Amino acid sequence: MSGHIVIGYDGSPEAQEALEWAADEARRERRPLRIVHVGLGQGGGRSLTEGVERVRSAAPDVEITSSLELRDSVPGTLVDMSTDARMLVVGGRGLGGFAGLLLGSVSTAVAAHARCPVVVVRHRPGSSSVPLARPVVVGVDGSRTSTSAVDLAFDLASRREAPLLAVHAWEMPALLGPTPAWTPDEIADRLVAEKALLAESLAGHADRYPDVEVRSTVRLGGAAEIVLAASGDAQLVVLGSRGRGGFTGLLLGSVSHAVVHHATCPVAIVHPHHAR
C-alpha cells in the first residue's frame, strides 16, 4: 500500500487534535505516519519528540517517522511533502494563529495547494473524539473534483464502517428583468434533473463498497449552507476543492473555503488531480 500520512505539527492544541486524527487514520489504513515540524525557531525538536511520544502512547502499532524542517515557509514545505503522500493533515490554527481567526494561513494555503487530499482538523469543544456511527458527508455537484471527493468519501466511510451521506444542493437560475417567475412544473423538472445528477455521481460505488450504507439528499439552497448544516452531525466532510460554479483560476472555491472555515468536524479537501 503506497503513500504515507503526513501531519504538520507544532505542539498547539489544534495540532494535537490533528495528530490524534492522523494517528488514528494511519492505524486504520495501516500506513506509516510522518510527523513534520517546520520552522527556524527553537523548540522544534522538543515539539517533534512530544508528538512522537503522543502517537506511540495512543497507537503503538503505527510506524512513525519524524522530520524537523529548518525552513521559513511552513505551507511551502508541507505542500512539497504532499507530493507522494496519501493525505496531509493540519490543525485549523497553529501557535502563530490569531485567536479571532477561524482558520490559520497555513491550513488555508495547504488546503489550496497540496498535491494530495488535505484534512483540516479544527478544535471541537469538549472531547475531540467523534462517534464512528456519525456519517461521512460528501458534497456532490457533478464536477471532476466532486468525482474525486466521492471516491475518497466512499473509501473513508468503508474503513470507518460508517454510513455515507451524499449531499447535493441546487438553485434555480436567477431571473433578470420582467421575466415571469419559474412555474411549478419547471421547478419540478429541475428537481428531477438534479436527483438524476446525484444518482449518476454515485453510480458504481455501491458495487465497489457494498458495506457502506448510503443516504442521499437533494436540497434547494446554497451549497455551503446545506453542507455546513449536514456537518453538524458528521464525523467528516469531504469536498472537492472547486465545483461547477468555480472560476478556473481559483484553487479553493467559495463553498470549500466556507466549509473548511466553519464546519464543526474535520474537512477533507480533494483536488481534481488527486487520484487515490
C-alpha atoms as a PDB file:
ATOM      1  CA  MET A   1       0.000   0.000   0.000  1.00  0.00           C
ATOM      2  CA  SER A   2       1.699   3.170  -1.199  1.00  0.00           C
ATOM      3  CA  GLY A   3       1.654   6.631   0.349  1.00  0.00           C
ATOM      4  CA  HIS A   4       2.052   7.781   3.900  1.00  0.00           C
ATOM      5  CA  ILE A   5       0.073  10.192   6.031  1.00  0.00           C
ATOM      6  CA  VAL A   6       1.820  13.482   6.765  1.00  0.00           C
ATOM      7  CA  ILE A   7       0.891  15.626   9.761  1.00  0.00           C
ATOM      8  CA  GLY A   8       2.122  19.179  10.197  1.00  0.00           C
ATOM      9  CA  TYR A   9       2.774  19.506  13.924  1.00  0.00           C
ATOM     10  CA  ASP A  10       3.721  22.497  16.089  1.00  0.00           C
ATOM     11  CA  GLY A  11       2.501  21.387  19.517  1.00  0.00           C
ATOM     12  CA  SER A  12      -0.528  23.698  19.574  1.00  0.00           C
ATOM     13  CA  PRO A  13      -3.844  22.366  20.928  1.00  0.00           C
ATOM     14  CA  GLU A  14      -5.311  22.147  17.430  1.00  0.00           C
ATOM     15  CA  ALA A  15      -2.168  20.395  16.162  1.00  0.00           C
ATOM     16  CA  GLN A  16      -2.571  17.875  18.981  1.00  0.00           C
ATOM     17  CA  GLU A  17      -6.119  17.133  17.863  1.00  0.00           C
ATOM     18  CA  ALA A  18      -4.927  16.868  14.253  1.00  0.00           C
ATOM     19  CA  LEU A  19      -2.169  14.488  15.353  1.00  0.00           C
ATOM     20  CA  GLU A  20      -4.707  12.302  17.142  1.00  0.00           C
ATOM     21  CA  TRP A  21      -6.861  12.218  14.000  1.00  0.00           C
ATOM     22  CA  ALA A  22      -3.868  11.450  11.745  1.00  0.00           C
ATOM     23  CA  ALA A  23      -2.571   8.681  14.018  1.00  0.00           C
ATOM     24  CA  ASP A  24      -5.991   7.064  14.119  1.00  0.00           C
ATOM     25  CA  GLU A  25      -6.237   7.232  10.323  1.00  0.00           C
ATOM     26  CA  ALA A  26      -2.726   5.768   9.909  1.00  0.00           C
ATOM     27  CA  ARG A  27      -3.656   2.898  12.229  1.00  0.00           C
ATOM     28  CA  ARG A  28      -6.920   2.309  10.375  1.00  0.00           C
ATOM     29  CA  GLU A  29      -5.260   2.316   6.947  1.00  0.00           C
ATOM     30  CA  ARG A  30      -2.078   0.559   8.120  1.00  0.00           C
ATOM     31  CA  ARG A  31       0.048   3.326   6.692  1.00  0.00           C
ATOM     32  CA  PRO A  32       3.177   4.977   8.092  1.00  0.00           C
ATOM     33  CA  LEU A  33       2.755   8.344   9.763  1.00  0.00           C
ATOM     34  CA  ARG A  34       5.236  11.166   9.184  1.00  0.00           C
ATOM     35  CA  ILE A  35       5.231  13.946  11.787  1.00  0.00           C
ATOM     36  CA  VAL A  36       6.724  17.177  10.466  1.00  0.00           C
ATOM     37  CA  HIS A  37       7.694  20.371  12.275  1.00  0.00           C
ATOM     38  CA  VAL A  38       8.675  23.352  10.117  1.00  0.00           C
ATOM     39  CA  GLY A  39      10.391  26.455  11.429  1.00  0.00           C
ATOM     40  CA  LEU A  40      13.633  28.247  12.185  1.00  0.00           C
ATOM     41  CA  GLY A  41      12.927  28.921  15.858  1.00  0.00           C
ATOM     42  CA  GLN A  42      13.946  26.926  18.884  1.00  0.00           C
ATOM     43  CA  GLY A  43      11.801  24.184  20.321  1.00  0.00           C
ATOM     44  CA  GLY A  44      11.057  22.282  17.130  1.00  0.00           C
ATOM     45  CA  GLY A  45      12.918  19.209  18.303  1.00  0.00           C
ATOM     46  CA  ARG A  46      11.051  19.159  21.597  1.00  0.00           C
ATOM     47  CA  SER A  47       7.749  19.545  19.763  1.00  0.00           C
ATOM     48  CA  LEU A  48       8.555  16.597  17.497  1.00  0.00           C
ATOM     49  CA  THR A  49       9.618  14.413  20.422  1.00  0.00           C
ATOM     50  CA  GLU A  50       6.391  15.234  22.238  1.00  0.00           C
ATOM     51  CA  GLY A  51       4.367  14.431  19.146  1.00  0.00           C
ATOM     52  CA  VAL A  52       6.087  11.077  18.606  1.00  0.00           C
ATOM     53  CA  GLU A  53       5.525  10.142  22.243  1.00  0.00           C
ATOM     54  CA  ARG A  54       1.832  11.017  21.944  1.00  0.00           C
ATOM     55  CA  VAL A  55       1.382   8.709  18.975  1.00  0.00           C
ATOM     56  CA  ARG A  56       3.386   5.852  20.486  1.00  0.00           C
ATOM     57  CA  SER A  57       1.230   6.040  23.589  1.00  0.00           C
ATOM     58  CA  ALA A  58      -2.097   6.174  21.729  1.00  0.00           C
ATOM     59  CA  ALA A  59      -1.298   3.992  18.682  1.00  0.00           C
ATOM     60  CA  PRO A  60       1.771   1.842  19.398  1.00  0.00           C
ATOM     61  CA  ASP A  61       1.317  -0.217  16.235  1.00  0.00           C
ATOM     62  CA  VAL A  62       1.677   2.785  13.897  1.00  0.00           C
ATOM     63  CA  GLU A  63       5.009   3.146  12.103  1.00  0.00           C
ATOM     64  CA  ILE A  64       6.305   6.681  12.802  1.00  0.00           C
ATOM     65  CA  THR A  65       8.935   8.873  11.236  1.00  0.00           C
ATOM     66  CA  SER A  66       9.613  12.472  12.182  1.00  0.00           C
ATOM     67  CA  SER A  67      11.190  15.355  10.351  1.00  0.00           C
ATOM     68  CA  LEU A  68      12.464  18.740  11.574  1.00  0.00           C
ATOM     69  CA  GLU A  69      12.475  21.098   8.603  1.00  0.00           C
ATOM     70  CA  LEU A  70      14.549  24.242   9.163  1.00  0.00           C
ATOM     71  CA  ARG A  71      12.717  26.349   6.615  1.00  0.00           C
ATOM     72  CA  ASP A  72      10.780  29.569   6.906  1.00  0.00           C
ATOM     73  CA  SER A  73       7.804  28.611   4.700  1.00  0.00           C
ATOM     74  CA  VAL A  74       5.527  26.229   6.544  1.00  0.00           C
ATOM     75  CA  PRO A  75       2.920  25.957   3.750  1.00  0.00           C
ATOM     76  CA  GLY A  76       5.559  25.535   1.049  1.00  0.00           C
ATOM     77  CA  THR A  77       7.334  22.775   2.954  1.00  0.00           C
ATOM     78  CA  LEU A  78       4.139  20.862   3.664  1.00  0.00           C
ATOM     79  CA  VAL A  79       2.985  21.217   0.057  1.00  0.00           C
ATOM     80  CA  ASP A  80       6.345  19.798  -1.103  1.00  0.00           C
ATOM     81  CA  MET A  81       5.874  16.834   1.225  1.00  0.00           C
ATOM     82  CA  SER A  82       2.387  16.217  -0.093  1.00  0.00           C
ATOM     83  CA  THR A  83       3.698  15.041  -3.469  1.00  0.00           C
ATOM     84  CA  ASP A  84       3.949  11.356  -2.543  1.00  0.00           C
ATOM     85  CA  ALA A  85       1.595  11.342   0.449  1.00  0.00           C
ATOM     86  CA  ARG A  86      -1.749   9.583   0.835  1.00  0.00           C
ATOM     87  CA  MET A  87      -3.056  12.627   2.693  1.00  0.00           C
ATOM     88  CA  LEU A  88      -1.846  15.679   4.564  1.00  0.00           C
ATOM     89  CA  VAL A  89      -3.364  16.584   7.933  1.00  0.00           C
ATOM     90  CA  VAL A  90      -3.177  20.015   9.567  1.00  0.00           C
ATOM     91  CA  GLY A  91      -4.805  21.742  12.503  1.00  0.00           C
ATOM     92  CA  GLY A  92      -7.122  24.653  11.908  1.00  0.00           C
ATOM     93  CA  ARG A  93      -4.799  27.136  13.605  1.00  0.00           C
ATOM     94  CA  GLY A  94      -1.273  26.743  14.924  1.00  0.00           C
ATOM     95  CA  LEU A  95       0.774  28.567  17.525  1.00  0.00           C
ATOM     96  CA  GLY A  96       1.130  31.530  15.201  1.00  0.00           C
ATOM     97  CA  GLY A  97      -2.602  31.953  14.620  1.00  0.00           C
ATOM     98  CA  PHE A  98      -4.600  34.916  15.859  1.00  0.00           C
ATOM     99  CA  ALA A  99      -7.326  33.979  18.306  1.00  0.00           C
ATOM    100  CA  GLY A 100     -10.044  35.694  16.300  1.00  0.00           C
ATOM    101  CA  LEU A 101      -9.338  33.785  13.098  1.00  0.00           C
ATOM    102  CA  LEU A 102     -11.373  30.663  12.399  1.00  0.00           C
ATOM    103  CA  LEU A 103      -8.677  29.206  10.175  1.00  0.00           C
ATOM    104  CA  GLY A 104      -4.960  29.913  10.020  1.00  0.00           C
ATOM    105  CA  SER A 105      -2.961  30.983   6.991  1.00  0.00           C
ATOM    106  CA  VAL A 106      -1.009  27.709   6.919  1.00  0.00           C
ATOM    107  CA  SER A 107      -4.050  25.456   6.755  1.00  0.00           C
ATOM    108  CA  THR A 108      -5.719  27.712   4.175  1.00  0.00           C
ATOM    109  CA  ALA A 109      -2.652  27.708   1.907  1.00  0.00           C
ATOM    110  CA  VAL A 110      -2.058  23.985   2.267  1.00  0.00           C
ATOM    111  CA  ALA A 111      -5.709  23.164   1.517  1.00  0.00           C
ATOM    112  CA  ALA A 112      -5.463  25.239  -1.658  1.00  0.00           C
ATOM    113  CA  HIS A 113      -2.127  23.980  -2.993  1.00  0.00           C
ATOM    114  CA  ALA A 114      -1.405  20.464  -1.705  1.00  0.00           C
ATOM    115  CA  ARG A 115      -0.874  17.630  -4.169  1.00  0.00           C
ATOM    116  CA  CYS A 116      -2.833  15.122  -2.107  1.00  0.00           C
ATOM    117  CA  PRO A 117      -6.081  15.287  -0.135  1.00  0.00           C
ATOM    118  CA  VAL A 118      -5.838  17.649   2.841  1.00  0.00           C
ATOM    119  CA  VAL A 119      -7.716  17.118   6.089  1.00  0.00           C
ATOM    120  CA  VAL A 120      -8.179  20.228   8.238  1.00  0.00           C
ATOM    121  CA  VAL A 121      -8.950  19.394  11.869  1.00  0.00           C
ATOM    122  CA  ARG A 122     -10.413  22.279  13.826  1.00  0.00           C
ATOM    123  CA  HIS A 123     -10.806  22.344  17.582  1.00  0.00           C
ATOM    124  CA  ARG A 124     -14.019  20.771  18.843  1.00  0.00           C
ATOM    125  CA  PRO A 125     -15.310  21.966  22.211  1.00  0.00           C
ATOM    126  CA  GLY A 126     -15.092  19.193  24.765  1.00  0.00           C
ATOM    127  CA  SER A 127     -13.805  15.801  23.664  1.00  0.00           C
ATOM    128  CA  SER A 128     -12.121  15.598  20.266  1.00  0.00           C
ATOM    129  CA  SER A 129     -13.329  12.033  19.745  1.00  0.00           C
ATOM    130  CA  VAL A 130     -16.249  11.585  17.353  1.00  0.00           C
ATOM    131  CA  PRO A 131     -18.582   8.558  17.407  1.00  0.00           C
ATOM    132  CA  LEU A 132     -17.979   6.426  14.318  1.00  0.00           C
ATOM    133  CA  ALA A 133     -21.734   5.961  13.931  1.00  0.00           C
ATOM    134  CA  ARG A 134     -21.888   9.512  12.618  1.00  0.00           C
ATOM    135  CA  PRO A 135     -21.847   9.710   8.813  1.00  0.00           C
ATOM    136  CA  VAL A 136     -19.143  10.765   6.427  1.00  0.00           C
ATOM    137  CA  VAL A 137     -20.702  13.622   4.443  1.00  0.00           C
ATOM    138  CA  VAL A 138     -19.690  14.265   0.850  1.00  0.00           C
ATOM    139  CA  GLY A 139     -20.703  17.265  -1.213  1.00  0.00           C
ATOM    140  CA  VAL A 140     -21.699  16.294  -4.757  1.00  0.00           C
ATOM    141  CA  ASP A 141     -22.167  18.614  -7.736  1.00  0.00           C
ATOM    142  CA  GLY A 142     -21.138  16.508 -10.736  1.00  0.00           C
ATOM    143  CA  SER A 143     -17.797  18.270 -11.301  1.00  0.00           C
ATOM    144  CA  ARG A 144     -14.454  16.495 -11.761  1.00  0.00           C
ATOM    145  CA  THR A 145     -13.332  17.443  -8.270  1.00  0.00           C
ATOM    146  CA  SER A 146     -16.631  16.187  -6.897  1.00  0.00           C
ATOM    147  CA  THR A 147     -15.983  12.809  -8.541  1.00  0.00           C
ATOM    148  CA  SER A 148     -12.631  12.595  -6.739  1.00  0.00           C
ATOM    149  CA  ALA A 149     -14.314  13.599  -3.483  1.00  0.00           C
ATOM    150  CA  VAL A 150     -16.945  10.865  -3.854  1.00  0.00           C
ATOM    151  CA  ASP A 151     -14.209   8.271  -4.452  1.00  0.00           C
ATOM    152  CA  LEU A 152     -12.359   9.296  -1.294  1.00  0.00           C
ATOM    153  CA  ALA A 153     -15.527   9.594   0.785  1.00  0.00           C
ATOM    154  CA  PHE A 154     -16.610   6.030   0.000  1.00  0.00           C
ATOM    155  CA  ASP A 155     -13.136   4.742   0.833  1.00  0.00           C
ATOM    156  CA  LEU A 156     -13.015   6.565   4.167  1.00  0.00           C
ATOM    157  CA  ALA A 157     -16.564   5.591   5.092  1.00  0.00           C
ATOM    158  CA  SER A 158     -15.800   1.946   4.368  1.00  0.00           C
ATOM    159  CA  ARG A 159     -12.683   1.984   6.548  1.00  0.00           C
ATOM    160  CA  ARG A 160     -14.706   3.530   9.385  1.00  0.00           C
ATOM    161  CA  GLU A 161     -17.705   1.231   8.934  1.00  0.00           C
ATOM    162  CA  ALA A 162     -19.660   4.481   8.809  1.00  0.00           C
ATOM    163  CA  PRO A 163     -22.692   5.477   6.748  1.00  0.00           C
ATOM    164  CA  LEU A 164     -22.213   7.901   3.873  1.00  0.00           C
ATOM    165  CA  LEU A 165     -24.455  10.920   3.373  1.00  0.00           C
ATOM    166  CA  ALA A 166     -24.245  12.401  -0.131  1.00  0.00           C
ATOM    167  CA  VAL A 167     -25.459  16.000  -0.218  1.00  0.00           C
ATOM    168  CA  HIS A 168     -26.390  17.871  -3.387  1.00  0.00           C
ATOM    169  CA  ALA A 169     -27.563  21.487  -3.345  1.00  0.00           C
ATOM    170  CA  TRP A 170     -29.239  23.257  -6.214  1.00  0.00           C
ATOM    171  CA  GLU A 171     -30.803  26.603  -7.033  1.00  0.00           C
ATOM    172  CA  MET A 172     -32.959  27.847  -9.879  1.00  0.00           C
ATOM    173  CA  PRO A 173     -31.145  30.342 -12.103  1.00  0.00           C
ATOM    174  CA  ALA A 174     -31.826  33.963 -11.256  1.00  0.00           C
ATOM    175  CA  LEU A 175     -34.347  35.712 -13.477  1.00  0.00           C
ATOM    176  CA  LEU A 176     -33.476  39.158 -14.755  1.00  0.00           C
ATOM    177  CA  GLY A 177     -35.799  41.922 -15.817  1.00  0.00           C
ATOM    178  CA  PRO A 178     -39.548  41.469 -16.281  1.00  0.00           C
ATOM    179  CA  THR A 179     -39.242  37.703 -16.803  1.00  0.00           C
ATOM    180  CA  PRO A 180     -42.127  35.610 -15.435  1.00  0.00           C
ATOM    181  CA  ALA A 181     -41.338  33.565 -12.342  1.00  0.00           C
ATOM    182  CA  TRP A 182     -40.432  29.906 -12.649  1.00  0.00           C
ATOM    183  CA  THR A 183     -43.524  27.740 -12.865  1.00  0.00           C
ATOM    184  CA  PRO A 184     -44.077  24.792 -10.507  1.00  0.00           C
ATOM    185  CA  ASP A 185     -43.639  22.410 -13.444  1.00  0.00           C
ATOM    186  CA  GLU A 186     -40.278  23.968 -14.348  1.00  0.00           C
ATOM    187  CA  ILE A 187     -39.096  23.689 -10.760  1.00  0.00           C
ATOM    188  CA  ALA A 188     -40.277  20.074 -10.580  1.00  0.00           C
ATOM    189  CA  ASP A 189     -38.456  19.226 -13.815  1.00  0.00           C
ATOM    190  CA  ARG A 190     -35.278  20.799 -12.480  1.00  0.00           C
ATOM    191  CA  LEU A 191     -35.556  18.793  -9.261  1.00  0.00           C
ATOM    192  CA  VAL A 192     -35.823  15.577 -11.268  1.00  0.00           C
ATOM    193  CA  ALA A 193     -32.683  16.532 -13.206  1.00  0.00           C
ATOM    194  CA  GLU A 194     -30.744  17.328 -10.019  1.00  0.00           C
ATOM    195  CA  LYS A 195     -31.730  13.988  -8.454  1.00  0.00           C
ATOM    196  CA  ALA A 196     -30.536  12.247 -11.625  1.00  0.00           C
ATOM    197  CA  LEU A 197     -27.206  14.090 -11.422  1.00  0.00           C
ATOM    198  CA  LEU A 198     -26.687  12.897  -7.846  1.00  0.00           C
ATOM    199  CA  ALA A 199     -27.630   9.312  -8.711  1.00  0.00           C
ATOM    200  CA  GLU A 200     -25.224   9.344 -11.661  1.00  0.00           C
ATOM    201  CA  SER A 201     -22.415  10.697  -9.462  1.00  0.00           C
ATOM    202  CA  LEU A 202     -22.873   7.811  -7.014  1.00  0.00           C
ATOM    203  CA  ALA A 203     -23.366   5.101  -9.653  1.00  0.00           C
ATOM    204  CA  GLY A 204     -20.997   2.149  -9.405  1.00  0.00           C
ATOM    205  CA  HIS A 205     -19.800   2.902  -5.895  1.00  0.00           C
ATOM    206  CA  ALA A 206     -22.367   0.629  -4.261  1.00  0.00           C
ATOM    207  CA  ASP A 207     -20.854  -2.324  -6.138  1.00  0.00           C
ATOM    208  CA  ARG A 208     -17.327  -1.395  -5.066  1.00  0.00           C
ATOM    209  CA  TYR A 209     -18.325  -0.640  -1.483  1.00  0.00           C
ATOM    210  CA  PRO A 210     -21.255  -2.947  -0.638  1.00  0.00           C
ATOM    211  CA  ASP A 211     -20.542  -2.481   3.063  1.00  0.00           C
ATOM    212  CA  VAL A 212     -21.283   1.254   3.003  1.00  0.00           C
ATOM    213  CA  GLU A 213     -24.803   2.358   3.835  1.00  0.00           C
ATOM    214  CA  VAL A 214     -25.583   5.254   1.510  1.00  0.00           C
ATOM    215  CA  ARG A 215     -28.089   8.001   2.124  1.00  0.00           C
ATOM    216  CA  SER A 216     -28.562  10.949  -0.186  1.00  0.00           C
ATOM    217  CA  THR A 217     -30.348  14.254  -0.077  1.00  0.00           C
ATOM    218  CA  VAL A 218     -31.112  16.883  -2.703  1.00  0.00           C
ATOM    219  CA  ARG A 219     -31.779  20.278  -1.159  1.00  0.00           C
ATOM    220  CA  LEU A 220     -32.807  23.612  -2.621  1.00  0.00           C
ATOM    221  CA  GLY A 221     -30.475  26.354  -1.404  1.00  0.00           C
ATOM    222  CA  GLY A 222     -26.871  27.484  -1.154  1.00  0.00           C
ATOM    223  CA  ALA A 223     -24.319  24.662  -1.222  1.00  0.00           C
ATOM    224  CA  ALA A 224     -22.151  25.992   1.610  1.00  0.00           C
ATOM    225  CA  GLU A 225     -25.084  26.446   3.975  1.00  0.00           C
ATOM    226  CA  ILE A 226     -26.508  22.997   3.219  1.00  0.00           C
ATOM    227  CA  VAL A 227     -23.175  21.183   3.622  1.00  0.00           C
ATOM    228  CA  LEU A 228     -22.452  23.085   6.842  1.00  0.00           C
ATOM    229  CA  ALA A 229     -25.842  22.072   8.218  1.00  0.00           C
ATOM    230  CA  ALA A 230     -25.039  18.436   7.452  1.00  0.00           C
ATOM    231  CA  SER A 231     -21.606  18.751   9.090  1.00  0.00           C
ATOM    232  CA  GLY A 232     -23.178  19.304  12.488  1.00  0.00           C
ATOM    233  CA  ASP A 233     -23.866  15.586  12.862  1.00  0.00           C
ATOM    234  CA  ALA A 234     -20.927  14.293  10.786  1.00  0.00           C
ATOM    235  CA  GLN A 235     -17.593  12.772  11.708  1.00  0.00           C
ATOM    236  CA  LEU A 236     -16.001  14.052   8.486  1.00  0.00           C
ATOM    237  CA  VAL A 237     -16.922  16.179   5.468  1.00  0.00           C
ATOM    238  CA  VAL A 238     -15.316  15.505   2.072  1.00  0.00           C
ATOM    239  CA  LEU A 239     -15.415  18.156  -0.645  1.00  0.00           C
ATOM    240  CA  GLY A 240     -13.868  18.870  -3.983  1.00  0.00           C
ATOM    241  CA  SER A 241     -11.664  21.955  -3.964  1.00  0.00           C
ATOM    242  CA  ARG A 242     -13.752  23.685  -6.620  1.00  0.00           C
ATOM    243  CA  GLY A 243     -17.168  22.873  -8.052  1.00  0.00           C
ATOM    244  CA  ARG A 244     -19.054  23.579 -11.247  1.00  0.00           C
ATOM    245  CA  GLY A 245     -19.534  27.241 -10.440  1.00  0.00           C
ATOM    246  CA  GLY A 246     -15.905  27.993  -9.591  1.00  0.00           C
ATOM    247  CA  PHE A 247     -13.652  30.337 -11.528  1.00  0.00           C
ATOM    248  CA  THR A 248     -10.843  28.458 -13.279  1.00  0.00           C
ATOM    249  CA  GLY A 249      -8.070  30.424 -11.586  1.00  0.00           C
ATOM    250  CA  LEU A 250      -9.242  29.690  -8.050  1.00  0.00           C
ATOM    251  CA  LEU A 251      -7.558  26.779  -6.289  1.00  0.00           C
ATOM    252  CA  LEU A 252     -10.113  26.796  -3.483  1.00  0.00           C
ATOM    253  CA  GLY A 253     -13.721  27.578  -4.346  1.00  0.00           C
ATOM    254  CA  SER A 254     -16.190  29.572  -2.288  1.00  0.00           C
ATOM    255  CA  VAL A 255     -18.065  26.511  -0.998  1.00  0.00           C
ATOM    256  CA  SER A 256     -14.985  24.562   0.123  1.00  0.00           C
ATOM    257  CA  HIS A 257     -13.497  27.755   1.571  1.00  0.00           C
ATOM    258  CA  ALA A 258     -16.631  28.406   3.633  1.00  0.00           C
ATOM    259  CA  VAL A 259     -16.986  24.812   4.827  1.00  0.00           C
ATOM    260  CA  VAL A 260     -13.352  24.389   5.833  1.00  0.00           C
ATOM    261  CA  HIS A 261     -13.607  27.628   7.830  1.00  0.00           C
ATOM    262  CA  HIS A 262     -16.891  26.921   9.607  1.00  0.00           C
ATOM    263  CA  ALA A 263     -17.562  23.171   9.780  1.00  0.00           C
ATOM    264  CA  THR A 264     -17.689  21.635  13.249  1.00  0.00           C
ATOM    265  CA  CYS A 265     -15.913  18.432  12.163  1.00  0.00           C
ATOM    266  CA  PRO A 266     -12.737  17.640  10.174  1.00  0.00           C
ATOM    267  CA  VAL A 267     -12.932  18.552   6.487  1.00  0.00           C
ATOM    268  CA  ALA A 268     -11.103  16.754   3.661  1.00  0.00           C
ATOM    269  CA  ILE A 269     -10.393  18.826   0.555  1.00  0.00           C
ATOM    270  CA  VAL A 270      -9.741  16.961  -2.688  1.00  0.00           C
ATOM    271  CA  HIS A 271      -8.288  18.481  -5.873  1.00  0.00           C
ATOM    272  CA  PRO A 272      -9.067  17.108  -9.347  1.00  0.00           C
ATOM    273  CA  HIS A 273      -5.597  15.573  -9.769  1.00  0.00           C
ATOM    274  CA  HIS A 274      -5.920  13.501  -6.595  1.00  0.00           C
ATOM    275  CA  ALA A 275      -6.469  10.036  -7.977  1.00  0.00           C
ATOM    276  CA  ARG A 276      -6.151   7.910  -4.843  1.00  0.00           C
END
